[in-house]
Amino acid sequence: MRRATPRFRAVSALAAVCLGACSFDYGKENSLTADQIPVMSFQGIKQTGVKDGRKVYTMQSDGADIYSSKKQTRLKNFQFEEYDSDGKTASHGRADEAVINTSTNDAEIKGQLEARDAGRGVTLQTGDGGLTWANDDRVLKTNQGTTVRLTKDDGSEIDGEGLVLDLGTNRLELQAGIQGTWTPENKDDATPSPSPLPSPTPSPSP
């Protein structure tokens, strides 16, 4: 069974870049408490990861706010792109907003999320309900009521709710409202892929 690579390392790395930057002085506002005022704020952040002289990933965010008392980093409209050994795009994705716990690297994704594995031609899209990422368990879950759509370039398409993506076991489940068709993977798909998008598995009925 192939092993997936968590894409939230991009979020964690971007948070680390923010923490290493210069601070800004915010004027006191009587209407806000101390933990509601970011100690640092940035616009137009971009980072490129390089390994052995080769570009591995790029990520960027329209803005980032650092809240040291709450140990949080808030990213707005962030995007990532990862590259294979030939320099071609292996996967990419974006989300409206993310709140990163800088102590645990857990994350709360707000708004819509879209991620695509170019190698396997699979795209994951979620609705506005949001998601959570548990870094230690390496599990991504949608919040209650969040819609999910998985599509593949061969025309396969599945809609549902209640996505659970376990990167430790490389298992993806849709837990409710499942409809659509999905073509099983063939032997050619056995080539290792860095994608976090394994084939969907309906959750067993109670």
Protein backbone atom coordinates (compact mmCIF):
# COMPACT_ATOMS: atom_id res chain seq x y z
CA MET A 1 0.00 0.00 0.00
CA ARG A 2 1.39 3.37 -0.99
CA ARG A 3 2.07 5.91 1.67
CA ALA A 4 0.70 9.40 1.37
CA THR A 5 2.58 12.57 2.22
CA PRO A 6 0.74 15.16 4.35
CA ARG A 7 0.38 18.47 2.59
CA PHE A 8 -0.03 20.35 5.85
CA ARG A 9 3.73 20.49 6.25
CA ALA A 10 3.42 23.44 3.85
CA VAL A 11 1.10 25.19 6.30
CA SER A 12 3.46 24.47 9.20
CA ALA A 13 6.48 25.75 7.29
CA LEU A 14 4.69 28.94 6.31
CA ALA A 15 3.80 29.53 9.95
CA ALA A 16 7.47 29.11 10.87
CA VAL A 17 8.48 31.74 8.32
CA CYS A 18 6.00 34.17 9.83
CA LEU A 19 7.33 33.58 13.34
CA GLY A 20 10.84 34.44 12.24
CA ALA A 21 9.91 37.83 10.81
CA CYS A 22 9.92 41.35 12.29
CA SER A 23 7.15 42.50 14.60
CA PHE A 24 4.87 45.47 14.14
CA ASP A 25 3.64 47.90 16.76
CA TYR A 26 -0.15 47.99 17.06
CA GLY A 27 -1.86 50.93 18.72
CA LYS A 28 -4.07 50.12 21.69
CA GLU A 29 -7.74 49.78 20.93
CA ASN A 30 -10.14 49.83 23.87
CA SER A 31 -12.63 47.66 22.01
CA LEU A 32 -10.16 44.76 21.65
CA THR A 33 -8.52 42.54 24.25
CA ALA A 34 -4.83 41.66 24.06
CA ASP A 35 -5.42 38.20 22.59
CA GLN A 36 -7.52 39.69 19.78
CA ILE A 37 -4.67 41.85 18.48
CA PRO A 38 -1.97 40.11 16.39
CA VAL A 39 1.60 40.77 17.46
CA MET A 40 2.71 40.47 13.82
CA SER A 41 0.89 40.85 10.53
CA PHE A 42 2.09 40.23 6.98
CA GLN A 43 0.89 40.61 3.41
CA GLY A 44 1.90 38.70 0.30
CA ILE A 45 3.98 35.86 1.82
CA LYS A 46 5.73 33.37 -0.46
CA GLN A 47 8.18 30.57 0.32
CA THR A 48 10.08 28.11 -1.89
CA GLY A 49 11.47 24.83 -0.55
CA VAL A 50 14.68 23.53 -2.15
CA LYS A 51 16.37 20.16 -1.60
CA ASP A 52 19.64 19.05 -3.27
CA GLY A 53 19.39 22.03 -5.60
CA ARG A 54 15.89 21.10 -6.74
CA LYS A 55 12.70 23.04 -6.06
CA VAL A 56 10.45 20.82 -3.94
CA TYR A 57 7.49 23.08 -3.20
CA THR A 58 6.20 26.63 -3.24
CA MET A 59 3.54 28.13 -1.01
CA GLN A 60 2.04 31.52 -0.59
CA SER A 61 -0.59 33.37 1.39
CA ASP A 62 -2.34 36.69 0.85
CA GLY A 63 -1.86 37.50 4.52
CA ALA A 64 -0.89 36.09 7.90
CA ASP A 65 -1.57 37.23 11.48
CA ILE A 66 0.38 35.93 14.48
CA TYR A 67 -1.31 35.69 17.91
CA SER A 68 1.42 34.68 20.36
CA SER A 69 -0.81 34.54 23.46
CA LYS A 70 -3.11 32.03 21.77
CA LYS A 71 -0.23 30.32 19.94
CA GLN A 72 -2.03 30.77 16.66
CA THR A 73 -1.18 31.79 13.13
CA ARG A 74 -4.05 32.77 10.82
CA LEU A 75 -3.41 32.41 7.09
CA LYS A 76 -5.66 33.96 4.45
CA ASN A 77 -6.14 32.44 1.00
CA PHE A 78 -3.09 30.17 1.08
CA GLN A 79 -1.89 28.01 -1.79
CA PHE A 80 0.72 25.28 -2.21
CA GLU A 81 2.34 23.48 -5.12
CA GLU A 82 4.63 20.45 -4.92
CA TYR A 83 6.98 19.28 -7.67
CA ASP A 84 8.25 15.88 -8.78
CA SER A 85 11.86 14.97 -9.57
CA ASP A 86 11.45 16.36 -13.10
CA GLY A 87 10.27 19.72 -11.82
CA LYS A 88 6.69 19.15 -12.92
CA THR A 89 3.73 19.88 -10.66
CA ALA A 90 2.88 16.74 -8.66
CA SER A 91 0.07 18.28 -6.61
CA HIS A 92 -1.37 21.63 -5.73
CA GLY A 93 -4.14 23.06 -3.61
CA ARG A 94 -5.67 26.09 -1.93
CA ALA A 95 -7.93 27.00 0.98
CA ASP A 96 -9.78 30.17 1.99
CA GLU A 97 -8.34 30.42 5.52
CA ALA A 98 -6.43 28.33 8.05
CA VAL A 99 -5.81 28.74 11.78
CA ILE A 100 -2.60 26.95 12.83
CA ASN A 101 -1.80 25.99 16.41
CA THR A 102 1.92 26.78 16.51
CA SER A 103 2.51 24.42 19.45
CA THR A 104 0.94 21.30 17.93
CA ASN A 105 0.70 22.15 14.20
CA ASP A 106 -2.98 21.18 14.36
CA ALA A 107 -5.07 23.28 11.98
CA GLU A 108 -8.61 24.44 11.41
CA ILE A 109 -9.44 25.05 7.76
CA LYS A 110 -12.21 27.57 7.17
CA GLY A 111 -14.15 27.97 3.96
CA GLN A 112 -13.46 25.80 0.93
CA LEU A 113 -10.50 23.50 0.31
CA GLU A 114 -9.34 22.22 -3.08
CA ALA A 115 -6.43 19.85 -3.65
CA ARG A 116 -5.35 18.05 -6.83
CA ASP A 117 -2.95 15.20 -7.51
CA ALA A 118 -1.75 15.83 -11.06
CA GLY A 119 -0.10 12.41 -11.38
CA ARG A 120 -3.28 10.46 -10.65
CA GLY A 121 -5.67 13.05 -12.03
CA VAL A 122 -7.67 13.21 -8.79
CA THR A 123 -9.21 16.37 -7.35
CA LEU A 124 -10.70 16.81 -3.86
CA GLN A 125 -13.09 19.70 -3.22
CA THR A 126 -14.97 20.53 -0.02
CA GLY A 127 -17.80 22.93 0.72
CA ASP A 128 -17.85 25.88 3.11
CA GLY A 129 -18.26 23.84 6.29
CA GLY A 130 -14.54 23.62 7.01
CA LEU A 131 -12.11 20.91 8.14
CA THR A 132 -9.73 20.07 10.97
CA TRP A 133 -6.22 18.61 10.79
CA ALA A 134 -4.83 16.58 13.73
CA ASN A 135 -1.08 16.64 13.20
CA ASP A 136 -0.04 13.87 15.62
CA ASP A 137 -2.69 11.46 14.31
CA ARG A 138 -2.23 12.70 10.71
CA VAL A 139 -5.99 12.77 10.19
CA LEU A 140 -7.97 15.30 8.16
CA LYS A 141 -11.71 15.51 8.89
CA THR A 142 -14.50 17.67 7.55
CA ASN A 143 -16.78 19.43 10.00
CA GLN A 144 -20.37 18.25 10.31
CA GLY A 145 -22.41 19.00 7.20
CA THR A 146 -19.44 19.79 4.95
CA THR A 147 -19.98 18.51 1.42
CA VAL A 148 -17.20 16.65 -0.41
CA ARG A 149 -16.62 15.98 -4.09
CA LEU A 150 -13.96 13.68 -5.54
CA THR A 151 -13.38 13.71 -9.29
CA LYS A 152 -10.95 11.91 -11.56
CA ASP A 153 -9.83 12.72 -15.08
CA ASP A 154 -11.43 9.52 -16.44
CA GLY A 155 -14.86 10.94 -15.58
CA SER A 156 -15.28 9.27 -12.18
CA GLU A 157 -17.12 11.43 -9.66
CA ILE A 158 -18.35 10.89 -6.11
CA ASP A 159 -20.26 13.30 -3.87
CA GLY A 160 -20.79 12.81 -0.15
CA GLU A 161 -20.40 14.18 3.37
CA GLY A 162 -18.23 13.37 6.37
CA LEU A 163 -14.78 12.91 4.87
CA VAL A 164 -12.10 11.25 7.05
CA LEU A 165 -8.63 11.10 5.49
CA ASP A 166 -6.13 9.09 7.56
CA LEU A 167 -2.63 9.62 6.20
CA GLY A 168 -1.21 7.06 8.61
CA THR A 169 -3.17 4.21 7.03
CA ASN A 170 -3.69 5.85 3.62
CA ARG A 171 -7.45 5.48 3.99
CA LEU A 172 -10.16 7.87 2.85
CA GLU A 173 -13.79 7.47 3.95
CA LEU A 174 -16.99 9.23 2.99
CA GLN A 175 -19.55 8.68 5.72
CA ALA A 176 -22.92 9.89 4.39
CA GLY A 177 -24.90 10.90 1.32
CA ILE A 178 -22.62 9.01 -1.07
CA GLN A 179 -23.57 9.02 -4.72
CA GLY A 180 -21.75 8.71 -8.03
CA THR A 181 -19.37 6.26 -9.68
CA TRP A 182 -15.64 5.64 -9.28
CA THR A 183 -13.44 3.56 -11.58
CA PRO A 184 -11.16 1.21 -9.58
CA GLU A 185 -7.46 1.84 -9.85
CA ASN A 186 -5.51 -0.37 -12.26
CA LYS A 187 -2.01 -1.79 -12.05
CA ASP A 188 -0.51 1.36 -13.54
CA ASP A 189 -1.71 3.25 -10.46
CA ALA A 190 0.62 1.17 -8.27
CA THR A 191 3.46 3.60 -9.02
CA PRO A 192 4.28 5.39 -5.75
CA SER A 193 2.74 8.85 -5.56
CA PRO A 194 3.18 11.67 -3.03
CA SER A 195 -0.55 12.35 -3.18
CA PRO A 196 -2.70 12.56 -0.04
CA LEU A 197 -5.69 11.35 -2.06
CA PRO A 198 -6.13 7.54 -1.92
CA SER A 199 -9.18 5.90 -3.46
CA PRO A 200 -12.41 6.64 -1.56
CA THR A 201 -13.94 3.97 0.67
CA PRO A 202 -17.55 4.25 1.86
CA SER A 203 -17.84 4.09 5.65
CA PRO A 204 -19.48 0.82 6.77
CA SER A 205 -23.11 1.09 7.76
CA PRO A 206 -23.86 0.98 11.50
